[in-house]
Amino acid sequence: MGTTRKTYTQNPESAPVLKHSTVTALMWERYRITSEDGKPATLAIIDEKGNVLDAGPEVARELWELALLAYRQYLSGEGLLRIYSTPDGLLQDHE
């Protein structure tokens, strides 16, 4: 029995940005960062002098949460998402 190999199609509107790593994201997994050889890697915040200000899984978690919050606020501003505080807890509309 042969192995199944995943194939990917490049988005023609985006040019490659990352040279030596891969970043994937799924709603239930957050960001997954790997090196060229598939080994786990992490994100870092680096200043203009090359100093690492913050690094590690907490950076990836914080950026993930920030991206979700920005997206939720966008949807809310567009009238596509409403969040309610009720006696039952926080609720949101689903179309």
Foldseek 3Di string as FASTA:
>chain_A
DDDDDDDDDDDPVDDDDDDFKDWDADPVPQIFIAGNVRHGDKDFDADPVGDTPDIDPVVSVVVRVVVVVVVQVVCVVVVNKDWDQDPVGIDIDDD
